[in-house]
Protein backbone atom coordinates (compact mmCIF):
# COMPACT_ATOMS: atom_id res chain seq x y z
CA GLY A 1 -0.07 0.00 -0.06
CA LYS A 2 0.89 3.69 0.17
CA THR A 3 2.65 3.11 3.58
CA GLY A 4 5.47 1.20 2.09
CA LEU A 5 6.46 -2.08 3.86
CA THR A 6 4.54 -3.63 6.71
CA ILE A 7 6.07 -6.66 8.46
CA TRP A 8 3.59 -8.99 10.19
CA ASN A 9 4.27 -11.27 13.17
CA THR A 10 2.38 -14.45 12.63
CA THR A 11 3.48 -16.19 15.85
CA VAL A 12 0.42 -17.55 17.61
CA GLY A 13 -0.55 -15.41 20.45
CA HIS A 14 1.53 -12.51 19.17
CA GLU A 15 -0.08 -11.80 15.86
CA GLY A 16 0.13 -8.21 14.51
CA VAL A 17 2.42 -5.62 12.99
CA ALA A 18 5.99 -6.28 13.85
CA GLY A 19 7.56 -3.34 11.98
CA ARG A 20 7.13 -0.85 9.20
CA LEU A 21 9.21 1.12 6.78
CA TYR A 22 7.27 4.14 5.51
CA THR A 23 8.18 5.16 1.94
CA GLY A 24 5.10 7.13 1.21
CA HIS A 25 4.86 5.43 -2.12
CA ASP A 26 2.47 3.03 -3.73
CA ALA A 27 4.07 -0.36 -3.14
CA LYS A 28 3.20 -2.93 -5.84
CA LYS A 29 5.45 -5.98 -5.89
CA ILE A 30 7.73 -7.62 -3.35
CA ALA A 31 10.52 -10.27 -3.43
CA VAL A 32 12.17 -11.73 -0.35
CA LEU A 33 15.53 -13.50 -0.08
CA ASP A 34 16.90 -14.42 3.31
CA LYS A 35 16.61 -11.26 5.39
CA THR A 36 16.44 -8.85 2.42
CA VAL A 37 13.15 -7.48 0.98
CA TYR A 38 13.05 -5.91 -2.50
CA LEU A 39 10.06 -3.57 -2.60
CA ALA A 40 8.87 -2.38 -5.93
CA ASP A 41 6.83 0.90 -6.27
CA ARG A 42 5.87 3.45 -8.89
CA VAL A 43 8.05 6.27 -7.57
CA MET A 44 11.25 4.99 -6.06
CA GLY A 45 11.65 1.96 -8.31
CA VAL A 46 12.95 -0.90 -6.26
CA ALA A 47 13.97 -0.31 -2.56
CA VAL A 48 16.46 -2.84 -0.86
CA VAL A 49 15.44 -3.27 2.75
CA ASP A 50 17.23 -5.07 5.48
CA VAL A 51 14.70 -6.94 7.68
CA ARG A 52 17.10 -8.84 9.99
CA SER A 53 15.44 -6.87 12.77
CA PRO A 54 11.70 -6.95 11.71
CA GLU A 55 10.88 -4.30 14.35
CA ARG A 56 13.30 -1.89 12.60
CA PRO A 57 13.58 -2.44 8.88
CA VAL A 58 16.39 -0.37 7.23
CA LEU A 59 16.46 1.07 3.73
CA LEU A 60 19.82 -0.01 2.35
CA GLY A 61 19.50 1.32 -1.16
CA SER A 62 17.35 1.59 -4.29
CA PHE A 63 17.41 1.68 -8.03
CA GLU A 64 15.17 3.14 -10.66
CA ALA A 65 12.75 1.02 -12.51
CA SER A 66 9.31 1.62 -14.00
CA ASP A 67 6.32 -0.22 -15.32
CA ILE A 68 7.20 -3.12 -13.00
CA ILE A 69 5.26 -6.32 -13.68
CA HIS A 70 7.09 -8.85 -11.51
CA ILE A 71 10.32 -8.98 -9.38
CA VAL A 72 12.42 -12.06 -8.40
CA ALA A 73 15.45 -12.10 -6.15
CA GLY A 74 18.31 -14.48 -6.32
CA PRO A 75 21.71 -14.57 -4.61
CA GLY A 76 23.26 -11.21 -5.39
CA VAL A 77 20.74 -10.41 -8.33
CA VAL A 78 17.35 -9.12 -8.73
CA TYR A 79 15.36 -9.65 -11.99
CA VAL A 80 12.81 -6.97 -12.72
CA LEU A 81 10.26 -7.72 -15.35
CA GLN A 82 9.10 -4.45 -16.85
CA GLY A 83 6.76 -3.68 -19.75
CA ASP A 84 9.76 -3.38 -22.07
CA GLY A 85 11.85 -6.33 -20.95
CA VAL A 86 13.90 -7.51 -18.00
CA ARG A 87 16.53 -5.74 -16.05
CA VAL A 88 19.08 -7.86 -14.18
CA MET A 89 20.47 -5.96 -11.23
CA ASN A 90 23.58 -6.71 -9.16
CA VAL A 91 22.58 -6.26 -5.52
CA SER A 92 25.64 -7.94 -4.00
CA SER A 93 26.34 -4.43 -2.55
CA PRO A 94 22.75 -3.48 -1.50
CA GLN A 95 23.75 0.17 -0.86
CA SER A 96 24.67 0.64 -4.52
CA PRO A 97 22.85 -1.73 -6.82
CA SER A 98 24.09 -1.75 -10.45
CA LEU A 99 22.76 -2.84 -13.73
CA LEU A 100 24.12 -6.21 -15.01
CA ALA A 101 21.99 -6.60 -18.12
CA THR A 102 18.90 -5.53 -19.95
CA ILE A 103 16.94 -8.31 -21.89
CA PRO A 104 14.33 -6.96 -24.38
């Protein structure tokens, strides 16, 4: 939603919101790998978020992307399916993601 990322605790007896990262943008797609969330929205592009501490998610970095249809995370890479093709992003350094390839 427009609040960004909301992390839910699903432990029986402790259900509810564990933490939030407010981006103020319209979040559309999400991919999770280990303790990192890749949050796609229409304004920021893709935000890289550390959720090792779910109560305090931390924005590590971001990269531009538009018209995002789907997002998939793998070790060190994120695949962003856009209206005009696929962008393969190197996220091995989450503070400064870089473009590896564009596939039409």
